[in-house]
Amino acid sequence: MTAKAEARLFRRWLLEEFSARQLGVAKTSFTNKTHWCWHVEVPKPQVTGEVYDQVLLDGIYLAYGWCLITATEGRKIIDWQWCQRENSATYQALMNRLPAPTVVLTDGGAGIAKALRLTWPQSRIQRCLFHIRANTITDLTHNPQSPAGKTLLGLANQLMGVKPPKTPESGLACYNTGIGYIAITLTRKPTLPSQGQGNGGGHTSGSEKPINVLNA
C-alpha cells in the first residue's frame, strides 16, 4: 500500500468515523500502516496582515486534554492556537498575531470577552446565534413547562432563521417587539377559571404558539 493510500485510509477513519474493520483492514494492520500519519506536521497558515471584515473565534476540545482555538474569516481558517483550555491568555496569544477585524463572532465566553477588551477593543462583537440557542436549551430544556419558558424557547428557535433586516429601522423594530413580548409574557398574570367553569374556561394554559417577532 502506498503512502497516499495509507493517508487516505487514515483520513476516512479519522474524519468519516469508519472503523478499521469497516475499511477492510485488521486493527493491528491499520495501526501499523497509519502510525506515521500522527506525526505529520501541519503547516500553519501564513499571517498576511490582512484586515478582515469578520473573524470567528471558537475552541474545540479534543482527546488527551487538548483544546484547539481557531480563527476563521468565513471561508477558511487563518490561524489557530493549541492550549489546554479556553481562557483570556490563550485567546490573546492567538489574537496578538492578527490585526483587529471589523466584527468578531464569538460564543460569548468569559475568557474571550476579556481578551477582546484587552486586545481588540475597537472590534464590534456579534454573539453566535447557534450558541445562544444552545445555551437557551441548556437552561430551559427542549420542553419547558412554564409559559415564559416556552416563549423564550420559541424566540431562541426563531434565531436560526433570522435574515438581515432591509433597513436599520426595521431591524430595531423587530428587536423592540421581541423584548416587549418577553416583558409582557413574564409579567402577565394568568386568568384563573371562574367558578363553575371547566379546566378549559377562561384559563391561560401557556400553550399559545409564540409569535414570530424576529422576522416581522
N, C-alpha and C. Protein backbone atom coordinates (compact mmCIF):
# COMPACT_ATOMS: atom_id res chain seq x y z
N MET A 1 0.84 -1.20 0.00
CA MET A 1 0.00 0.00 0.00
C MET A 1 0.88 1.25 0.00
N THR A 2 0.58 2.19 -0.86
CA THR A 2 1.37 3.42 -0.96
C THR A 2 1.07 4.35 0.21
N ALA A 3 1.96 5.32 0.43
CA ALA A 3 1.75 6.29 1.50
C ALA A 3 0.48 7.09 1.26
N LYS A 4 0.18 7.38 0.00
CA LYS A 4 -1.04 8.12 -0.32
C LYS A 4 -2.27 7.32 0.07
N ALA A 5 -2.24 6.03 -0.20
CA ALA A 5 -3.37 5.17 0.15
C ALA A 5 -3.51 5.04 1.66
N GLU A 6 -2.38 4.97 2.36
CA GLU A 6 -2.41 4.90 3.83
C GLU A 6 -2.99 6.18 4.42
N ALA A 7 -2.59 7.32 3.85
CA ALA A 7 -3.10 8.60 4.32
C ALA A 7 -4.61 8.71 4.08
N ARG A 8 -5.06 8.22 2.92
CA ARG A 8 -6.49 8.24 2.62
C ARG A 8 -7.26 7.36 3.60
N LEU A 9 -6.68 6.21 3.93
CA LEU A 9 -7.29 5.30 4.89
C LEU A 9 -7.40 5.97 6.26
N PHE A 10 -6.34 6.63 6.66
CA PHE A 10 -6.32 7.31 7.95
C PHE A 10 -7.35 8.44 7.99
N ARG A 11 -7.45 9.19 6.90
CA ARG A 11 -8.40 10.29 6.84
C ARG A 11 -9.84 9.80 6.96
N ARG A 12 -10.15 8.71 6.29
CA ARG A 12 -11.51 8.17 6.36
C ARG A 12 -11.82 7.69 7.77
N TRP A 13 -10.85 7.08 8.42
CA TRP A 13 -11.04 6.61 9.80
C TRP A 13 -11.22 7.79 10.75
N LEU A 14 -10.43 8.84 10.54
CA LEU A 14 -10.43 9.98 11.46
C LEU A 14 -11.64 10.88 11.26
N LEU A 15 -11.96 11.22 10.01
CA LEU A 15 -12.97 12.22 9.73
C LEU A 15 -14.34 11.65 9.41
N GLU A 16 -14.38 10.45 8.83
CA GLU A 16 -15.65 9.87 8.44
C GLU A 16 -16.12 8.79 9.41
N GLU A 17 -15.33 8.56 10.47
CA GLU A 17 -15.71 7.68 11.57
C GLU A 17 -15.93 6.23 11.15
N PHE A 18 -15.17 5.78 10.15
CA PHE A 18 -15.18 4.37 9.81
C PHE A 18 -14.25 3.62 10.77
N SER A 19 -14.63 2.42 11.14
CA SER A 19 -13.72 1.59 11.93
C SER A 19 -12.75 0.89 10.99
N ALA A 20 -11.66 0.37 11.55
CA ALA A 20 -10.69 -0.36 10.72
C ALA A 20 -11.37 -1.54 10.04
N ARG A 21 -12.25 -2.19 10.75
CA ARG A 21 -12.96 -3.34 10.18
C ARG A 21 -13.83 -2.91 9.00
N GLN A 22 -14.52 -1.77 9.13
CA GLN A 22 -15.36 -1.28 8.04
C GLN A 22 -14.53 -0.89 6.82
N LEU A 23 -13.27 -0.53 7.07
CA LEU A 23 -12.37 -0.17 5.97
C LEU A 23 -11.68 -1.39 5.38
N GLY A 24 -12.00 -2.56 5.91
CA GLY A 24 -11.44 -3.79 5.36
C GLY A 24 -10.01 -4.07 5.77
N VAL A 25 -9.60 -3.54 6.94
CA VAL A 25 -8.23 -3.73 7.42
C VAL A 25 -8.28 -4.21 8.86
N ALA A 26 -7.43 -5.18 9.19
CA ALA A 26 -7.34 -5.63 10.56
C ALA A 26 -6.84 -4.49 11.45
N LYS A 27 -7.27 -4.48 12.71
CA LYS A 27 -6.93 -3.37 13.61
C LYS A 27 -5.42 -3.20 13.76
N THR A 28 -4.71 -4.31 13.95
CA THR A 28 -3.25 -4.24 14.11
C THR A 28 -2.60 -3.74 12.83
N SER A 29 -3.07 -4.24 11.70
CA SER A 29 -2.52 -3.81 10.42
C SER A 29 -2.79 -2.33 10.17
N PHE A 30 -3.99 -1.87 10.55
CA PHE A 30 -4.33 -0.46 10.38
C PHE A 30 -3.40 0.42 11.20
N THR A 31 -3.15 0.02 12.45
CA THR A 31 -2.26 0.79 13.32
C THR A 31 -0.86 0.87 12.74
N ASN A 32 -0.36 -0.25 12.24
CA ASN A 32 0.99 -0.28 11.67
C ASN A 32 1.10 0.57 10.41
N LYS A 33 0.04 0.56 9.61
CA LYS A 33 0.09 1.27 8.33
C LYS A 33 -0.06 2.79 8.50
N THR A 34 -0.75 3.21 9.53
CA THR A 34 -1.09 4.63 9.63
C THR A 34 -0.44 5.36 10.80
N HIS A 35 0.45 4.68 11.55
CA HIS A 35 1.02 5.33 12.73
C HIS A 35 1.79 6.60 12.36
N TRP A 36 2.38 6.63 11.16
CA TRP A 36 3.16 7.79 10.74
C TRP A 36 2.30 9.03 10.51
N CYS A 37 1.01 8.81 10.26
CA CYS A 37 0.12 9.94 9.99
C CYS A 37 -0.02 10.86 11.21
N TRP A 38 0.16 10.30 12.40
CA TRP A 38 0.06 11.11 13.60
C TRP A 38 1.21 12.11 13.72
N HIS A 39 2.29 11.86 13.02
CA HIS A 39 3.48 12.68 13.16
C HIS A 39 3.66 13.68 12.01
N VAL A 40 2.67 13.78 11.14
CA VAL A 40 2.74 14.74 10.05
C VAL A 40 2.52 16.14 10.61
N GLU A 41 3.45 17.02 10.39
CA GLU A 41 3.33 18.40 10.87
C GLU A 41 2.49 19.22 9.90
N VAL A 42 1.42 19.78 10.41
CA VAL A 42 0.53 20.59 9.57
C VAL A 42 1.04 22.03 9.58
N PRO A 43 1.41 22.57 8.43
CA PRO A 43 1.91 23.95 8.39
C PRO A 43 0.82 24.95 8.74
N LYS A 44 1.14 25.91 9.58
CA LYS A 44 0.16 26.93 9.96
C LYS A 44 -0.02 27.91 8.81
N PRO A 45 -1.21 28.47 8.67
CA PRO A 45 -1.44 29.47 7.62
C PRO A 45 -0.53 30.68 7.84
N GLN A 46 -0.10 31.27 6.77
CA GLN A 46 0.76 32.45 6.86
C GLN A 46 -0.09 33.67 7.21
N VAL A 47 0.31 34.37 8.25
CA VAL A 47 -0.39 35.59 8.65
C VAL A 47 0.04 36.71 7.72
N THR A 48 -0.89 37.23 6.95
CA THR A 48 -0.57 38.21 5.91
C THR A 48 -0.72 39.66 6.38
N GLY A 49 -1.39 39.86 7.51
CA GLY A 49 -1.66 41.22 7.95
C GLY A 49 -2.94 41.80 7.39
N GLU A 50 -3.66 41.01 6.60
CA GLU A 50 -4.92 41.48 6.03
C GLU A 50 -5.94 41.74 7.13
N VAL A 51 -6.65 42.83 7.02
CA VAL A 51 -7.71 43.16 7.97
C VAL A 51 -9.03 42.61 7.43
N TYR A 52 -9.62 41.67 8.14
CA TYR A 52 -10.84 41.02 7.67
C TYR A 52 -12.08 41.74 8.20
N ASP A 53 -13.14 41.66 7.43
CA ASP A 53 -14.41 42.25 7.87
C ASP A 53 -14.94 41.52 9.09
N GLN A 54 -14.80 40.19 9.10
CA GLN A 54 -15.29 39.41 10.22
C GLN A 54 -14.34 38.25 10.50
N VAL A 55 -14.22 37.90 11.77
CA VAL A 55 -13.42 36.75 12.19
C VAL A 55 -14.22 35.99 13.24
N LEU A 56 -14.33 34.68 13.04
CA LEU A 56 -14.99 33.80 14.01
C LEU A 56 -13.93 33.16 14.88
N LEU A 57 -14.05 33.32 16.19
CA LEU A 57 -13.14 32.71 17.15
C LEU A 57 -13.90 31.66 17.95
N ASP A 58 -13.35 30.45 18.02
CA ASP A 58 -14.02 29.39 18.76
C ASP A 58 -13.01 28.32 19.12
N GLY A 59 -13.32 27.57 20.17
CA GLY A 59 -12.44 26.50 20.60
C GLY A 59 -13.15 25.16 20.56
N ILE A 60 -12.40 24.11 20.29
CA ILE A 60 -12.94 22.76 20.29
C ILE A 60 -12.05 21.89 21.16
N TYR A 61 -12.67 21.12 22.06
CA TYR A 61 -11.92 20.27 22.97
C TYR A 61 -11.74 18.89 22.35
N LEU A 62 -10.50 18.43 22.38
CA LEU A 62 -10.13 17.16 21.77
C LEU A 62 -9.64 16.19 22.84
N ALA A 63 -9.29 15.00 22.41
CA ALA A 63 -8.84 13.97 23.34
C ALA A 63 -7.49 14.35 23.96
N TYR A 64 -7.19 13.68 25.06
CA TYR A 64 -5.89 13.80 25.75
C TYR A 64 -5.64 15.20 26.29
N GLY A 65 -6.70 15.91 26.65
CA GLY A 65 -6.55 17.19 27.33
C GLY A 65 -6.17 18.37 26.45
N TRP A 66 -6.38 18.25 25.14
CA TRP A 66 -6.03 19.33 24.23
C TRP A 66 -7.26 20.13 23.84
N CYS A 67 -7.04 21.42 23.61
CA CYS A 67 -8.07 22.31 23.07
C CYS A 67 -7.47 23.08 21.91
N LEU A 68 -8.21 23.20 20.83
CA LEU A 68 -7.74 23.94 19.66
C LEU A 68 -8.64 25.15 19.43
N ILE A 69 -8.06 26.34 19.51
CA ILE A 69 -8.78 27.58 19.23
C ILE A 69 -8.48 27.99 17.79
N THR A 70 -9.51 28.24 17.03
CA THR A 70 -9.33 28.60 15.62
C THR A 70 -9.89 29.99 15.34
N ALA A 71 -9.27 30.64 14.36
CA ALA A 71 -9.76 31.92 13.84
C ALA A 71 -10.12 31.71 12.38
N THR A 72 -11.37 31.96 12.03
CA THR A 72 -11.87 31.74 10.67
C THR A 72 -12.43 33.04 10.11
N GLU A 73 -12.15 33.29 8.83
CA GLU A 73 -12.64 34.53 8.22
C GLU A 73 -13.91 34.33 7.41
N GLY A 74 -14.57 33.20 7.60
CA GLY A 74 -15.82 32.93 6.91
C GLY A 74 -15.70 31.84 5.87
N ARG A 75 -14.50 31.70 5.28
CA ARG A 75 -14.29 30.67 4.27
C ARG A 75 -13.18 29.71 4.64
N LYS A 76 -12.20 30.18 5.37
CA LYS A 76 -11.06 29.33 5.71
C LYS A 76 -10.47 29.75 7.05
N ILE A 77 -9.72 28.83 7.64
CA ILE A 77 -9.03 29.11 8.90
C ILE A 77 -7.80 29.95 8.61
N ILE A 78 -7.63 31.03 9.35
CA ILE A 78 -6.49 31.92 9.12
C ILE A 78 -5.41 31.77 10.19
N ASP A 79 -5.73 31.16 11.31
CA ASP A 79 -4.71 30.89 12.34
C ASP A 79 -5.34 30.02 13.42
N TRP A 80 -4.49 29.40 14.23
CA TRP A 80 -5.01 28.61 15.35
C TRP A 80 -4.02 28.63 16.50
N GLN A 81 -4.50 28.19 17.66
CA GLN A 81 -3.69 28.18 18.88
C GLN A 81 -4.03 26.93 19.70
N TRP A 82 -3.01 26.11 19.97
CA TRP A 82 -3.21 24.95 20.84
C TRP A 82 -3.15 25.39 22.30
N CYS A 83 -3.97 24.77 23.14
CA CYS A 83 -3.96 25.09 24.56
C CYS A 83 -4.60 23.92 25.32
N GLN A 84 -4.66 24.05 26.62
CA GLN A 84 -5.33 23.04 27.44
C GLN A 84 -6.77 23.42 27.73
N ARG A 85 -7.05 24.70 27.78
CA ARG A 85 -8.42 25.16 27.98
C ARG A 85 -8.56 26.59 27.49
N GLU A 86 -9.78 26.98 27.20
CA GLU A 86 -10.06 28.33 26.73
C GLU A 86 -9.98 29.32 27.89
N ASN A 87 -9.17 30.33 27.75
CA ASN A 87 -9.14 31.43 28.71
C ASN A 87 -8.63 32.68 28.00
N SER A 88 -8.58 33.78 28.72
CA SER A 88 -8.20 35.04 28.08
C SER A 88 -6.77 35.01 27.56
N ALA A 89 -5.86 34.34 28.27
CA ALA A 89 -4.45 34.30 27.85
C ALA A 89 -4.28 33.56 26.54
N THR A 90 -4.97 32.42 26.38
CA THR A 90 -4.81 31.65 25.15
C THR A 90 -5.46 32.37 23.96
N TYR A 91 -6.59 33.02 24.20
CA TYR A 91 -7.20 33.79 23.12
C TYR A 91 -6.33 34.98 22.74
N GLN A 92 -5.72 35.63 23.72
CA GLN A 92 -4.84 36.75 23.42
C GLN A 92 -3.62 36.31 22.62
N ALA A 93 -3.09 35.11 22.93
CA ALA A 93 -1.93 34.60 22.20
C ALA A 93 -2.25 34.48 20.71
N LEU A 94 -3.49 34.09 20.40
CA LEU A 94 -3.91 33.99 19.00
C LEU A 94 -4.20 35.37 18.41
N MET A 95 -4.92 36.18 19.14
CA MET A 95 -5.35 37.48 18.63
C MET A 95 -4.19 38.44 18.42
N ASN A 96 -3.14 38.30 19.22
CA ASN A 96 -1.98 39.19 19.08
C ASN A 96 -1.27 39.02 17.74
N ARG A 97 -1.49 37.89 17.08
CA ARG A 97 -0.83 37.64 15.80
C ARG A 97 -1.64 38.17 14.62
N LEU A 98 -2.86 38.62 14.88
CA LEU A 98 -3.75 39.04 13.80
C LEU A 98 -4.16 40.49 13.99
N PRO A 99 -4.35 41.23 12.90
CA PRO A 99 -4.89 42.59 13.03
C PRO A 99 -6.36 42.53 13.45
N ALA A 100 -6.80 43.52 14.17
CA ALA A 100 -8.17 43.54 14.66
C ALA A 100 -9.16 43.62 13.50
N PRO A 101 -10.13 42.71 13.43
CA PRO A 101 -11.14 42.76 12.37
C PRO A 101 -12.23 43.78 12.69
N THR A 102 -13.11 44.00 11.74
CA THR A 102 -14.23 44.91 11.97
C THR A 102 -15.22 44.31 12.96
N VAL A 103 -15.54 43.01 12.76
CA VAL A 103 -16.51 42.33 13.62
C VAL A 103 -15.92 41.00 14.07
N VAL A 104 -16.15 40.65 15.33
CA VAL A 104 -15.73 39.36 15.87
C VAL A 104 -16.98 38.57 16.24
N LEU A 105 -17.05 37.33 15.76
CA LEU A 105 -18.16 36.44 16.08
C LEU A 105 -17.69 35.47 17.15
N THR A 106 -18.38 35.42 18.30
CA THR A 106 -17.94 34.59 19.42
C THR A 106 -19.13 33.89 20.07
N ASP A 107 -18.79 32.93 20.96
CA ASP A 107 -19.83 32.24 21.73
C ASP A 107 -20.15 32.98 23.03
N GLY A 108 -19.46 34.08 23.30
CA GLY A 108 -19.76 34.88 24.47
C GLY A 108 -19.13 34.41 25.76
N GLY A 109 -18.14 33.51 25.69
CA GLY A 109 -17.48 33.03 26.90
C GLY A 109 -16.71 34.12 27.62
N ALA A 110 -16.53 33.95 28.94
CA ALA A 110 -15.88 34.98 29.75
C ALA A 110 -14.43 35.19 29.33
N GLY A 111 -13.72 34.12 28.99
CA GLY A 111 -12.32 34.23 28.62
C GLY A 111 -12.11 35.07 27.38
N ILE A 112 -12.90 34.81 26.36
CA ILE A 112 -12.74 35.56 25.11
C ILE A 112 -13.22 37.00 25.28
N ALA A 113 -14.21 37.23 26.12
CA ALA A 113 -14.69 38.59 26.34
C ALA A 113 -13.58 39.47 26.92
N LYS A 114 -12.84 38.93 27.89
CA LYS A 114 -11.73 39.69 28.48
C LYS A 114 -10.63 39.93 27.45
N ALA A 115 -10.31 38.90 26.67
CA ALA A 115 -9.27 39.03 25.65
C ALA A 115 -9.63 40.09 24.62
N LEU A 116 -10.90 40.16 24.25
CA LEU A 116 -11.34 41.16 23.28
C LEU A 116 -11.20 42.57 23.84
N ARG A 117 -11.54 42.75 25.09
CA ARG A 117 -11.41 44.08 25.71
C ARG A 117 -9.96 44.54 25.73
N LEU A 118 -9.04 43.59 25.94
CA LEU A 118 -7.63 43.95 26.08
C LEU A 118 -6.90 44.02 24.75
N THR A 119 -7.34 43.23 23.76
CA THR A 119 -6.57 43.10 22.52
C THR A 119 -7.22 43.77 21.33
N TRP A 120 -8.52 43.57 21.15
CA TRP A 120 -9.23 44.16 20.02
C TRP A 120 -10.37 45.03 20.53
N PRO A 121 -10.10 46.07 21.28
CA PRO A 121 -11.19 46.85 21.89
C PRO A 121 -12.06 47.59 20.88
N GLN A 122 -11.55 47.85 19.68
CA GLN A 122 -12.32 48.60 18.69
C GLN A 122 -13.22 47.71 17.84
N SER A 123 -13.01 46.40 17.88
CA SER A 123 -13.81 45.48 17.07
C SER A 123 -15.21 45.35 17.65
N ARG A 124 -16.19 45.28 16.77
CA ARG A 124 -17.56 45.07 17.20
C ARG A 124 -17.77 43.58 17.44
N ILE A 125 -18.61 43.25 18.41
CA ILE A 125 -18.81 41.86 18.82
C ILE A 125 -20.20 41.40 18.43
N GLN A 126 -20.27 40.24 17.76
CA GLN A 126 -21.53 39.62 17.39
C GLN A 126 -21.60 38.25 18.06
N ARG A 127 -22.61 38.03 18.89
CA ARG A 127 -22.78 36.73 19.52
C ARG A 127 -23.26 35.72 18.49
N CYS A 128 -22.73 34.52 18.57
CA CYS A 128 -23.12 33.43 17.67
C CYS A 128 -24.54 32.99 17.99
N LEU A 129 -25.43 33.04 17.00
CA LEU A 129 -26.83 32.69 17.22
C LEU A 129 -26.99 31.22 17.58
N PHE A 130 -26.15 30.36 17.01
CA PHE A 130 -26.22 28.93 17.33
C PHE A 130 -25.93 28.71 18.81
N HIS A 131 -24.90 29.38 19.33
CA HIS A 131 -24.56 29.21 20.75
C HIS A 131 -25.64 29.79 21.66
N ILE A 132 -26.25 30.90 21.24
CA ILE A 132 -27.34 31.47 22.04
C ILE A 132 -28.47 30.46 22.17
N ARG A 133 -28.84 29.85 21.05
CA ARG A 133 -29.92 28.85 21.07
C ARG A 133 -29.52 27.65 21.92
N ALA A 134 -28.27 27.18 21.75
CA ALA A 134 -27.81 26.02 22.51
C ALA A 134 -27.81 26.31 24.01
N ASN A 135 -27.36 27.50 24.40
CA ASN A 135 -27.36 27.86 25.82
C ASN A 135 -28.77 27.98 26.37
N THR A 136 -29.69 28.48 25.54
CA THR A 136 -31.08 28.59 25.97
C THR A 136 -31.67 27.21 26.22
N ILE A 137 -31.39 26.26 25.34
CA ILE A 137 -31.90 24.90 25.51
C ILE A 137 -31.29 24.26 26.75
N THR A 138 -30.01 24.55 27.02
CA THR A 138 -29.37 24.02 28.22
C THR A 138 -30.11 24.49 29.47
N ASP A 139 -30.51 25.76 29.49
CA ASP A 139 -31.20 26.32 30.65
C ASP A 139 -32.66 25.89 30.72
N LEU A 140 -33.34 25.81 29.59
CA LEU A 140 -34.78 25.58 29.58
C LEU A 140 -35.18 24.14 29.28
N THR A 141 -34.28 23.35 28.70
CA THR A 141 -34.53 22.03 28.11
C THR A 141 -35.33 22.19 26.82
N HIS A 142 -35.56 21.08 26.13
CA HIS A 142 -36.33 21.14 24.88
C HIS A 142 -37.84 21.25 25.14
N ASN A 143 -38.25 21.05 26.40
CA ASN A 143 -39.68 21.05 26.69
C ASN A 143 -39.96 21.82 27.98
N PRO A 144 -39.77 23.14 27.97
CA PRO A 144 -40.06 23.92 29.18
C PRO A 144 -41.55 23.87 29.51
N GLN A 145 -41.86 23.97 30.79
CA GLN A 145 -43.25 23.83 31.22
C GLN A 145 -43.95 25.17 31.42
N SER A 146 -43.22 26.21 31.77
CA SER A 146 -43.87 27.50 32.03
C SER A 146 -44.14 28.24 30.73
N PRO A 147 -45.17 29.09 30.71
CA PRO A 147 -45.43 29.90 29.51
C PRO A 147 -44.24 30.77 29.13
N ALA A 148 -43.57 31.35 30.14
CA ALA A 148 -42.41 32.20 29.84
C ALA A 148 -41.29 31.38 29.21
N GLY A 149 -41.07 30.17 29.75
CA GLY A 149 -40.03 29.30 29.19
C GLY A 149 -40.33 28.91 27.76
N LYS A 150 -41.59 28.61 27.47
CA LYS A 150 -41.98 28.25 26.11
C LYS A 150 -41.78 29.42 25.15
N THR A 151 -42.10 30.62 25.64
CA THR A 151 -41.92 31.80 24.79
C THR A 151 -40.46 32.05 24.49
N LEU A 152 -39.61 31.95 25.52
CA LEU A 152 -38.18 32.17 25.32
C LEU A 152 -37.59 31.13 24.38
N LEU A 153 -38.00 29.87 24.53
CA LEU A 153 -37.50 28.83 23.63
C LEU A 153 -37.97 29.09 22.20
N GLY A 154 -39.22 29.55 22.05
CA GLY A 154 -39.71 29.87 20.72
C GLY A 154 -38.90 30.97 20.06
N LEU A 155 -38.55 31.99 20.83
CA LEU A 155 -37.73 33.07 20.29
C LEU A 155 -36.33 32.57 19.94
N ALA A 156 -35.77 31.70 20.80
CA ALA A 156 -34.44 31.15 20.52
C ALA A 156 -34.45 30.32 19.25
N ASN A 157 -35.51 29.54 19.04
CA ASN A 157 -35.60 28.74 17.82
C ASN A 157 -35.71 29.61 16.58
N GLN A 158 -36.38 30.75 16.72
CA GLN A 158 -36.52 31.66 15.58
C GLN A 158 -35.19 32.30 15.19
N LEU A 159 -34.23 32.34 16.13
CA LEU A 159 -32.94 32.95 15.82
C LEU A 159 -32.26 32.29 14.63
N MET A 160 -32.43 30.97 14.49
CA MET A 160 -31.74 30.25 13.43
C MET A 160 -32.27 30.62 12.05
N GLY A 161 -33.43 31.28 11.99
CA GLY A 161 -33.97 31.69 10.70
C GLY A 161 -33.92 33.18 10.47
N VAL A 162 -33.17 33.88 11.30
CA VAL A 162 -33.10 35.34 11.19
C VAL A 162 -32.44 35.75 9.88
N LYS A 163 -33.01 36.72 9.22
CA LYS A 163 -32.44 37.28 8.00
C LYS A 163 -32.07 38.74 8.25
N PRO A 164 -31.06 39.25 7.56
CA PRO A 164 -30.69 40.66 7.75
C PRO A 164 -31.87 41.57 7.46
N PRO A 165 -32.13 42.56 8.31
CA PRO A 165 -33.24 43.49 8.06
C PRO A 165 -32.96 44.34 6.83
N LYS A 166 -34.05 44.75 6.17
CA LYS A 166 -33.90 45.58 4.98
C LYS A 166 -33.35 46.96 5.33
N THR A 167 -33.70 47.45 6.51
CA THR A 167 -33.20 48.75 6.96
C THR A 167 -32.86 48.65 8.44
N PRO A 168 -31.99 49.52 8.96
CA PRO A 168 -31.70 49.52 10.40
C PRO A 168 -32.96 49.73 11.23
N GLU A 169 -33.88 50.54 10.71
CA GLU A 169 -35.10 50.83 11.46
C GLU A 169 -35.96 49.58 11.63
N SER A 170 -36.06 48.76 10.55
CA SER A 170 -36.88 47.55 10.65
C SER A 170 -36.23 46.54 11.59
N GLY A 171 -34.89 46.49 11.58
CA GLY A 171 -34.21 45.58 12.50
C GLY A 171 -34.43 45.98 13.94
N LEU A 172 -34.37 47.27 14.23
CA LEU A 172 -34.60 47.76 15.59
C LEU A 172 -36.04 47.52 16.01
N ALA A 173 -36.97 47.64 15.08
CA ALA A 173 -38.38 47.41 15.39
C ALA A 173 -38.60 45.95 15.79
N CYS A 174 -37.98 45.02 15.05
CA CYS A 174 -38.10 43.60 15.38
C CYS A 174 -37.55 43.32 16.77
N TYR A 175 -36.40 43.93 17.06
CA TYR A 175 -35.76 43.73 18.37
C TYR A 175 -36.67 44.24 19.49
N ASN A 176 -37.19 45.45 19.33
CA ASN A 176 -38.04 46.04 20.36
C ASN A 176 -39.33 45.24 20.54
N THR A 177 -39.88 44.72 19.44
CA THR A 177 -41.07 43.90 19.53
C THR A 177 -40.80 42.64 20.34
N GLY A 178 -39.66 42.02 20.07
CA GLY A 178 -39.30 40.81 20.81
C GLY A 178 -39.11 41.07 22.28
N ILE A 179 -38.37 42.14 22.63
CA ILE A 179 -38.15 42.48 24.03
C ILE A 179 -39.48 42.79 24.73
N GLY A 180 -40.34 43.54 24.04
CA GLY A 180 -41.63 43.87 24.62
C GLY A 180 -42.49 42.64 24.85
N TYR A 181 -42.46 41.69 23.90
CA TYR A 181 -43.27 40.48 24.05
C TYR A 181 -42.78 39.64 25.22
N ILE A 182 -41.44 39.58 25.39
CA ILE A 182 -40.90 38.84 26.53
C ILE A 182 -41.35 39.49 27.84
N ALA A 183 -41.25 40.82 27.91
CA ALA A 183 -41.63 41.53 29.13
C ALA A 183 -43.09 41.29 29.48
N ILE A 184 -43.96 41.35 28.48
CA ILE A 184 -45.39 41.13 28.72
C ILE A 184 -45.63 39.71 29.20
N THR A 185 -44.97 38.74 28.57
CA THR A 185 -45.17 37.34 28.93
C THR A 185 -44.71 37.06 30.35
N LEU A 186 -43.57 37.65 30.73
CA LEU A 186 -43.02 37.39 32.05
C LEU A 186 -43.82 38.06 33.16
N THR A 187 -44.50 39.15 32.87
CA THR A 187 -45.22 39.90 33.91
C THR A 187 -46.71 39.64 33.91
N ARG A 188 -47.24 39.01 32.85
CA ARG A 188 -48.69 38.80 32.75
C ARG A 188 -49.15 37.74 33.75
N LYS A 189 -50.21 38.05 34.48
CA LYS A 189 -50.77 37.09 35.42
C LYS A 189 -51.80 36.22 34.70
N PRO A 190 -51.76 34.90 34.91
CA PRO A 190 -52.75 34.05 34.25
C PRO A 190 -54.15 34.31 34.80
N THR A 191 -55.14 34.20 33.95
CA THR A 191 -56.53 34.38 34.35
C THR A 191 -57.06 33.08 34.93
N LEU A 192 -57.50 33.13 36.17
CA LEU A 192 -58.00 31.92 36.82
C LEU A 192 -59.38 31.58 36.28
N PRO A 193 -59.71 30.30 36.18
CA PRO A 193 -61.04 29.92 35.69
C PRO A 193 -62.11 30.37 36.67
N SER A 194 -63.22 30.89 36.15
CA SER A 194 -64.31 31.34 37.01
C SER A 194 -65.02 30.14 37.61
N GLN A 195 -65.76 30.40 38.66
CA GLN A 195 -66.44 29.32 39.36
C GLN A 195 -67.42 28.62 38.43
N GLY A 196 -67.36 27.30 38.44
CA GLY A 196 -68.27 26.53 37.63
C GLY A 196 -67.74 26.19 36.26
N GLN A 197 -66.60 26.81 35.86
CA GLN A 197 -66.05 26.52 34.55
C GLN A 197 -65.13 25.32 34.65
N GLY A 198 -64.96 24.65 33.55
CA GLY A 198 -64.05 23.51 33.48
C GLY A 198 -62.63 24.00 33.36
N ASN A 199 -61.74 23.04 33.17
CA ASN A 199 -60.33 23.37 33.06
C ASN A 199 -60.03 24.25 31.87
N GLY A 200 -60.89 24.22 30.84
CA GLY A 200 -60.57 24.98 29.64
C GLY A 200 -61.17 26.37 29.60
N GLY A 201 -62.03 26.73 30.60
CA GLY A 201 -62.72 28.00 30.51
C GLY A 201 -61.96 29.14 31.14
N GLY A 202 -61.73 30.22 30.38
CA GLY A 202 -61.12 31.42 30.92
C GLY A 202 -59.76 31.22 31.52
N HIS A 203 -59.01 30.30 31.04
CA HIS A 203 -57.73 29.94 31.65
C HIS A 203 -56.61 30.04 30.63
N THR A 204 -55.53 30.67 31.03
CA THR A 204 -54.37 30.76 30.15
C THR A 204 -53.48 29.55 30.39
N SER A 205 -53.42 28.66 29.45
CA SER A 205 -52.71 27.39 29.64
C SER A 205 -51.24 27.48 29.35
N GLY A 206 -50.80 28.51 28.67
CA GLY A 206 -49.39 28.60 28.31
C GLY A 206 -49.05 27.82 27.06
N SER A 207 -50.06 27.30 26.38
CA SER A 207 -49.80 26.51 25.18
C SER A 207 -49.88 27.33 23.91
N GLU A 208 -50.02 28.66 24.06
CA GLU A 208 -50.11 29.51 22.89
C GLU A 208 -48.83 29.42 22.08
N LYS A 209 -48.95 29.44 20.79
CA LYS A 209 -47.78 29.39 19.92
C LYS A 209 -47.10 30.75 19.91
N PRO A 210 -45.78 30.80 20.20
CA PRO A 210 -45.09 32.10 20.22
C PRO A 210 -45.17 32.78 18.86
N ILE A 211 -45.39 34.09 18.90
CA ILE A 211 -45.43 34.82 17.64
C ILE A 211 -44.03 34.97 17.08
N ASN A 212 -43.95 35.09 15.79
CA ASN A 212 -42.65 35.26 15.13
C ASN A 212 -42.34 36.75 15.09
N VAL A 213 -41.50 37.19 16.05
CA VAL A 213 -41.21 38.61 16.13
C VAL A 213 -39.90 38.96 15.45
N LEU A 214 -39.07 37.96 15.18
CA LEU A 214 -37.73 38.26 14.68
C LEU A 214 -37.71 38.56 13.19
N ASN A 215 -38.69 38.07 12.48
CA ASN A 215 -38.76 38.35 11.05
C ASN A 215 -40.04 39.11 10.70
N ALA A 216 -40.57 39.81 11.68
CA ALA A 216 -41.81 40.56 11.46
C ALA A 216 -41.57 41.69 10.47
